[in-house]
Amino acid sequence: MGRPAGWIDEYDVQRGTWTALIDSSIVVDSASGEPLLCPGPLEALALLRRALGESLTRW
């Protein structure tokens, strides 16, 4: 069994924000370099799917 290409994780427990990670790197906005945060796990999953499908810039 191989390593997953990406996953989602809670970014800030107190704020309830989630993010997507690819190869252990958080998906970020290509213009600002800031992490792309989501209000919940379903939104983070959608972000991960877009990032894997569209090869978004990440750190």
PDB file of N, CA and C in Angstrom:
ATOM      1  N   MET A   1       0.837  -1.179   0.000  1.00  0.00           N
ATOM      2  CA  MET A   1       0.000   0.000   0.000  1.00  0.00           C
ATOM      3  C   MET A   1       0.879   1.238   0.000  1.00  0.00           C
ATOM      4  N   GLY A   2       0.563   2.190  -0.856  1.00  0.00           N
ATOM      5  CA  GLY A   2       1.354   3.401  -0.981  1.00  0.00           C
ATOM      6  C   GLY A   2       0.922   4.500  -0.034  1.00  0.00           C
ATOM      7  N   ARG A   3       1.639   5.575  -0.079  1.00  0.00           N
ATOM      8  CA  ARG A   3       1.358   6.755   0.727  1.00  0.00           C
ATOM      9  C   ARG A   3       0.253   7.568   0.078  1.00  0.00           C
ATOM     10  N   PRO A   4      -0.655   8.180   0.848  1.00  0.00           N
ATOM     11  CA  PRO A   4      -1.715   8.989   0.234  1.00  0.00           C
ATOM     12  C   PRO A   4      -1.147  10.228  -0.446  1.00  0.00           C
ATOM     13  N   ALA A   5      -1.773  10.641  -1.536  1.00  0.00           N
ATOM     14  CA  ALA A   5      -1.335  11.842  -2.256  1.00  0.00           C
ATOM     15  C   ALA A   5      -1.673  13.101  -1.469  1.00  0.00           C
ATOM     16  N   GLY A   6      -2.757  13.049  -0.731  1.00  0.00           N
ATOM     17  CA  GLY A   6      -3.153  14.216   0.045  1.00  0.00           C
ATOM     18  C   GLY A   6      -4.191  13.843   1.083  1.00  0.00           C
ATOM     19  N   TRP A   7      -4.442  14.745   1.997  1.00  0.00           N
ATOM     20  CA  TRP A   7      -5.431  14.531   3.042  1.00  0.00           C
ATOM     21  C   TRP A   7      -5.874  15.874   3.587  1.00  0.00           C
ATOM     22  N   ILE A   8      -6.901  15.837   4.437  1.00  0.00           N
ATOM     23  CA  ILE A   8      -7.365  17.059   5.080  1.00  0.00           C
ATOM     24  C   ILE A   8      -7.062  16.957   6.572  1.00  0.00           C
ATOM     25  N   ASP A   9      -6.954  18.113   7.221  1.00  0.00           N
ATOM     26  CA  ASP A   9      -6.652  18.128   8.642  1.00  0.00           C
ATOM     27  C   ASP A   9      -7.206  19.409   9.244  1.00  0.00           C
ATOM     28  N   GLU A  10      -7.559  19.341  10.521  1.00  0.00           N
ATOM     29  CA  GLU A  10      -8.024  20.547  11.201  1.00  0.00           C
ATOM     30  C   GLU A  10      -6.828  21.470  11.407  1.00  0.00           C
ATOM     31  N   TYR A  11      -6.929  22.694  10.940  1.00  0.00           N
ATOM     32  CA  TYR A  11      -5.831  23.656  10.988  1.00  0.00           C
ATOM     33  C   TYR A  11      -5.807  24.367  12.334  1.00  0.00           C
ATOM     34  N   ASP A  12      -6.969  24.850  12.780  1.00  0.00           N
ATOM     35  CA  ASP A  12      -7.076  25.584  14.043  1.00  0.00           C
ATOM     36  C   ASP A  12      -8.316  25.064  14.773  1.00  0.00           C
ATOM     37  N   VAL A  13      -8.096  24.282  15.814  1.00  0.00           N
ATOM     38  CA  VAL A  13      -9.200  23.642  16.534  1.00  0.00           C
ATOM     39  C   VAL A  13     -10.131  24.684  17.145  1.00  0.00           C
ATOM     40  N   GLN A  14      -9.581  25.730  17.739  1.00  0.00           N
ATOM     41  CA  GLN A  14     -10.407  26.752  18.392  1.00  0.00           C
ATOM     42  C   GLN A  14     -11.287  27.498  17.397  1.00  0.00           C
ATOM     43  N   ARG A  15     -10.781  27.743  16.216  1.00  0.00           N
ATOM     44  CA  ARG A  15     -11.557  28.451  15.191  1.00  0.00           C
ATOM     45  C   ARG A  15     -12.355  27.501  14.315  1.00  0.00           C
ATOM     46  N   GLY A  16     -12.048  26.228  14.379  1.00  0.00           N
ATOM     47  CA  GLY A  16     -12.759  25.239  13.572  1.00  0.00           C
ATOM     48  C   GLY A  16     -12.420  25.305  12.097  1.00  0.00           C
ATOM     49  N   THR A  17     -11.199  25.731  11.760  1.00  0.00           N
ATOM     50  CA  THR A  17     -10.800  25.805  10.352  1.00  0.00           C
ATOM     51  C   THR A  17     -10.021  24.554   9.952  1.00  0.00           C
ATOM     52  N   TRP A  18     -10.206  24.166   8.708  1.00  0.00           N
ATOM     53  CA  TRP A  18      -9.577  22.979   8.138  1.00  0.00           C
ATOM     54  C   TRP A  18      -8.747  23.373   6.926  1.00  0.00           C
ATOM     55  N   THR A  19      -7.825  22.502   6.540  1.00  0.00           N
ATOM     56  CA  THR A  19      -7.015  22.749   5.358  1.00  0.00           C
ATOM     57  C   THR A  19      -6.726  21.424   4.649  1.00  0.00           C
ATOM     58  N   ALA A  20      -6.175  21.537   3.465  1.00  0.00           N
ATOM     59  CA  ALA A  20      -5.777  20.370   2.677  1.00  0.00           C
ATOM     60  C   ALA A  20      -4.256  20.317   2.610  1.00  0.00           C
ATOM     61  N   LEU A  21      -3.727  19.123   2.613  1.00  0.00           N
ATOM     62  CA  LEU A  21      -2.285  18.919   2.504  1.00  0.00           C
ATOM     63  C   LEU A  21      -1.988  17.966   1.359  1.00  0.00           C
ATOM     64  N   ILE A  22      -0.921  18.258   0.639  1.00  0.00           N
ATOM     65  CA  ILE A  22      -0.442  17.387  -0.430  1.00  0.00           C
ATOM     66  C   ILE A  22       1.036  17.162  -0.179  1.00  0.00           C
ATOM     67  N   ASP A  23       1.443  15.908  -0.121  1.00  0.00           N
ATOM     68  CA  ASP A  23       2.835  15.550   0.186  1.00  0.00           C
ATOM     69  C   ASP A  23       3.338  16.274   1.426  1.00  0.00           C
ATOM     70  N   SER A  24       2.515  16.318   2.474  1.00  0.00           N
ATOM     71  CA  SER A  24       2.825  16.940   3.769  1.00  0.00           C
ATOM     72  C   SER A  24       2.944  18.457   3.721  1.00  0.00           C
ATOM     73  N   SER A  25       2.523  19.091   2.629  1.00  0.00           N
ATOM     74  CA  SER A  25       2.560  20.547   2.503  1.00  0.00           C
ATOM     75  C   SER A  25       1.146  21.095   2.415  1.00  0.00           C
ATOM     76  N   ILE A  26       0.895  22.168   3.170  1.00  0.00           N
ATOM     77  CA  ILE A  26      -0.422  22.802   3.149  1.00  0.00           C
ATOM     78  C   ILE A  26      -0.629  23.491   1.807  1.00  0.00           C
ATOM     79  N   VAL A  27      -1.819  23.350   1.249  1.00  0.00           N
ATOM     80  CA  VAL A  27      -2.168  24.032   0.004  1.00  0.00           C
ATOM     81  C   VAL A  27      -2.317  25.525   0.317  1.00  0.00           C
ATOM     82  N   VAL A  28      -1.634  26.357  -0.457  1.00  0.00           N
ATOM     83  CA  VAL A  28      -1.623  27.799  -0.208  1.00  0.00           C
ATOM     84  C   VAL A  28      -2.106  28.571  -1.424  1.00  0.00           C
ATOM     85  N   ASP A  29      -2.470  29.820  -1.170  1.00  0.00           N
ATOM     86  CA  ASP A  29      -2.822  30.752  -2.242  1.00  0.00           C
ATOM     87  C   ASP A  29      -1.550  31.103  -2.999  1.00  0.00           C
ATOM     88  N   SER A  30      -1.555  30.950  -4.303  1.00  0.00           N
ATOM     89  CA  SER A  30      -0.329  31.179  -5.083  1.00  0.00           C
ATOM     90  C   SER A  30       0.089  32.647  -5.104  1.00  0.00           C
ATOM     91  N   ALA A  31      -0.842  33.570  -4.912  1.00  0.00           N
ATOM     92  CA  ALA A  31      -0.502  34.999  -4.932  1.00  0.00           C
ATOM     93  C   ALA A  31       0.054  35.471  -3.595  1.00  0.00           C
ATOM     94  N   SER A  32      -0.589  35.063  -2.487  1.00  0.00           N
ATOM     95  CA  SER A  32      -0.187  35.577  -1.175  1.00  0.00           C
ATOM     96  C   SER A  32       0.723  34.628  -0.399  1.00  0.00           C
ATOM     97  N   GLY A  33       0.690  33.350  -0.740  1.00  0.00           N
ATOM     98  CA  GLY A  33       1.467  32.373   0.007  1.00  0.00           C
ATOM     99  C   GLY A  33       0.811  31.970   1.314  1.00  0.00           C
ATOM    100  N   GLU A  34      -0.394  32.464   1.580  1.00  0.00           N
ATOM    101  CA  GLU A  34      -1.111  32.144   2.808  1.00  0.00           C
ATOM    102  C   GLU A  34      -1.834  30.805   2.658  1.00  0.00           C
ATOM    103  N   PRO A  35      -1.930  30.039   3.758  1.00  0.00           N
ATOM    104  CA  PRO A  35      -2.668  28.769   3.700  1.00  0.00           C
ATOM    105  C   PRO A  35      -4.121  29.003   3.307  1.00  0.00           C
ATOM    106  N   LEU A  36      -4.659  28.108   2.485  1.00  0.00           N
ATOM    107  CA  LEU A  36      -6.070  28.166   2.133  1.00  0.00           C
ATOM    108  C   LEU A  36      -6.844  27.411   3.206  1.00  0.00           C
ATOM    109  N   LEU A  37      -7.651  28.143   3.978  1.00  0.00           N
ATOM    110  CA  LEU A  37      -8.388  27.568   5.092  1.00  0.00           C
ATOM    111  C   LEU A  37      -9.850  27.427   4.731  1.00  0.00           C
ATOM    112  N   CYS A  38     -10.484  26.433   5.308  1.00  0.00           N
ATOM    113  CA  CYS A  38     -11.887  26.126   5.029  1.00  0.00           C
ATOM    114  C   CYS A  38     -12.664  26.091   6.336  1.00  0.00           C
ATOM    115  N   PRO A  39     -13.976  26.401   6.283  1.00  0.00           N
ATOM    116  CA  PRO A  39     -14.783  26.408   7.500  1.00  0.00           C
ATOM    117  C   PRO A  39     -15.172  25.019   8.009  1.00  0.00           C
ATOM    118  N   GLY A  40     -14.877  23.980   7.264  1.00  0.00           N
ATOM    119  CA  GLY A  40     -15.233  22.639   7.709  1.00  0.00           C
ATOM    120  C   GLY A  40     -14.551  21.572   6.879  1.00  0.00           C
ATOM    121  N   PRO A  41     -14.686  20.305   7.283  1.00  0.00           N
ATOM    122  CA  PRO A  41     -13.998  19.217   6.577  1.00  0.00           C
ATOM    123  C   PRO A  41     -14.506  18.978   5.161  1.00  0.00           C
ATOM    124  N   LEU A  42     -15.776  19.186   4.907  1.00  0.00           N
ATOM    125  CA  LEU A  42     -16.286  18.969   3.542  1.00  0.00           C
ATOM    126  C   LEU A  42     -15.705  19.990   2.565  1.00  0.00           C
ATOM    127  N   GLU A  43     -15.576  21.224   3.013  1.00  0.00           N
ATOM    128  CA  GLU A  43     -14.975  22.254   2.167  1.00  0.00           C
ATOM    129  C   GLU A  43     -13.489  21.965   1.943  1.00  0.00           C
ATOM    130  N   ALA A  44     -12.801  21.458   2.985  1.00  0.00           N
ATOM    131  CA  ALA A  44     -11.390  21.099   2.840  1.00  0.00           C
ATOM    132  C   ALA A  44     -11.224  19.939   1.867  1.00  0.00           C
ATOM    133  N   LEU A  45     -12.148  19.000   1.898  1.00  0.00           N
ATOM    134  CA  LEU A  45     -12.107  17.893   0.945  1.00  0.00           C
ATOM    135  C   LEU A  45     -12.292  18.399  -0.484  1.00  0.00           C
ATOM    136  N   ALA A  46     -13.210  19.338  -0.683  1.00  0.00           N
ATOM    137  CA  ALA A  46     -13.407  19.916  -2.014  1.00  0.00           C
ATOM    138  C   ALA A  46     -12.142  20.645  -2.468  1.00  0.00           C
ATOM    139  N   LEU A  47     -11.484  21.347  -1.543  1.00  0.00           N
ATOM    140  CA  LEU A  47     -10.228  22.031  -1.865  1.00  0.00           C
ATOM    141  C   LEU A  47      -9.161  21.023  -2.272  1.00  0.00           C
ATOM    142  N   LEU A  48      -9.060  19.936  -1.532  1.00  0.00           N
ATOM    143  CA  LEU A  48      -8.076  18.899  -1.860  1.00  0.00           C
ATOM    144  C   LEU A  48      -8.335  18.320  -3.241  1.00  0.00           C
ATOM    145  N   ARG A  49      -9.585  18.044  -3.531  1.00  0.00           N
ATOM    146  CA  ARG A  49      -9.924  17.513  -4.855  1.00  0.00           C
ATOM    147  C   ARG A  49      -9.555  18.487  -5.961  1.00  0.00           C
ATOM    148  N   ARG A  50      -9.834  19.784  -5.748  1.00  0.00           N
ATOM    149  CA  ARG A  50      -9.459  20.797  -6.749  1.00  0.00           C
ATOM    150  C   ARG A  50      -7.945  20.876  -6.891  1.00  0.00           C
ATOM    151  N   ALA A  51      -7.240  20.858  -5.763  1.00  0.00           N
ATOM    152  CA  ALA A  51      -5.777  20.976  -5.796  1.00  0.00           C
ATOM    153  C   ALA A  51      -5.145  19.794  -6.527  1.00  0.00           C
ATOM    154  N   LEU A  52      -5.635  18.604  -6.262  1.00  0.00           N
ATOM    155  CA  LEU A  52      -5.079  17.426  -6.947  1.00  0.00           C
ATOM    156  C   LEU A  52      -5.453  17.417  -8.413  1.00  0.00           C
ATOM    157  N   GLY A  53      -6.658  17.887  -8.725  1.00  0.00           N
ATOM    158  CA  GLY A  53      -7.128  17.885 -10.103  1.00  0.00           C
ATOM    159  C   GLY A  53      -6.551  18.989 -10.945  1.00  0.00           C
ATOM    160  N   GLU A  54      -6.253  20.123 -10.317  1.00  0.00           N
ATOM    161  CA  GLU A  54      -5.784  21.285 -11.065  1.00  0.00           C
ATOM    162  C   GLU A  54      -4.318  21.622 -10.804  1.00  0.00           C
ATOM    163  N   SER A  55      -3.657  20.841  -9.949  1.00  0.00           N
ATOM    164  CA  SER A  55      -2.239  21.071  -9.600  1.00  0.00           C
ATOM    165  C   SER A  55      -2.002  22.503  -9.133  1.00  0.00           C
ATOM    166  N   LEU A  56      -2.759  22.939  -8.137  1.00  0.00           N
ATOM    167  CA  LEU A  56      -2.589  24.280  -7.590  1.00  0.00           C
ATOM    168  C   LEU A  56      -1.216  24.421  -6.958  1.00  0.00           C
ATOM    169  N   THR A  57      -0.702  25.631  -6.918  1.00  0.00           N
ATOM    170  CA  THR A  57       0.593  25.890  -6.289  1.00  0.00           C
ATOM    171  C   THR A  57       0.483  25.594  -4.797  1.00  0.00           C
ATOM    172  N   ARG A  58       1.526  24.975  -4.266  1.00  0.00           N
ATOM    173  CA  ARG A  58       1.569  24.671  -2.838  1.00  0.00           C
ATOM    174  C   ARG A  58       3.000  24.825  -2.339  1.00  0.00           C
ATOM    175  N   TRP A  59       3.157  24.947  -1.046  1.00  0.00           N
ATOM    176  CA  TRP A  59       4.499  25.027  -0.444  1.00  0.00           C
ATOM    177  C   TRP A  59       4.870  23.680   0.078  1.00  0.00           C
TER     178      TRP A  59
END
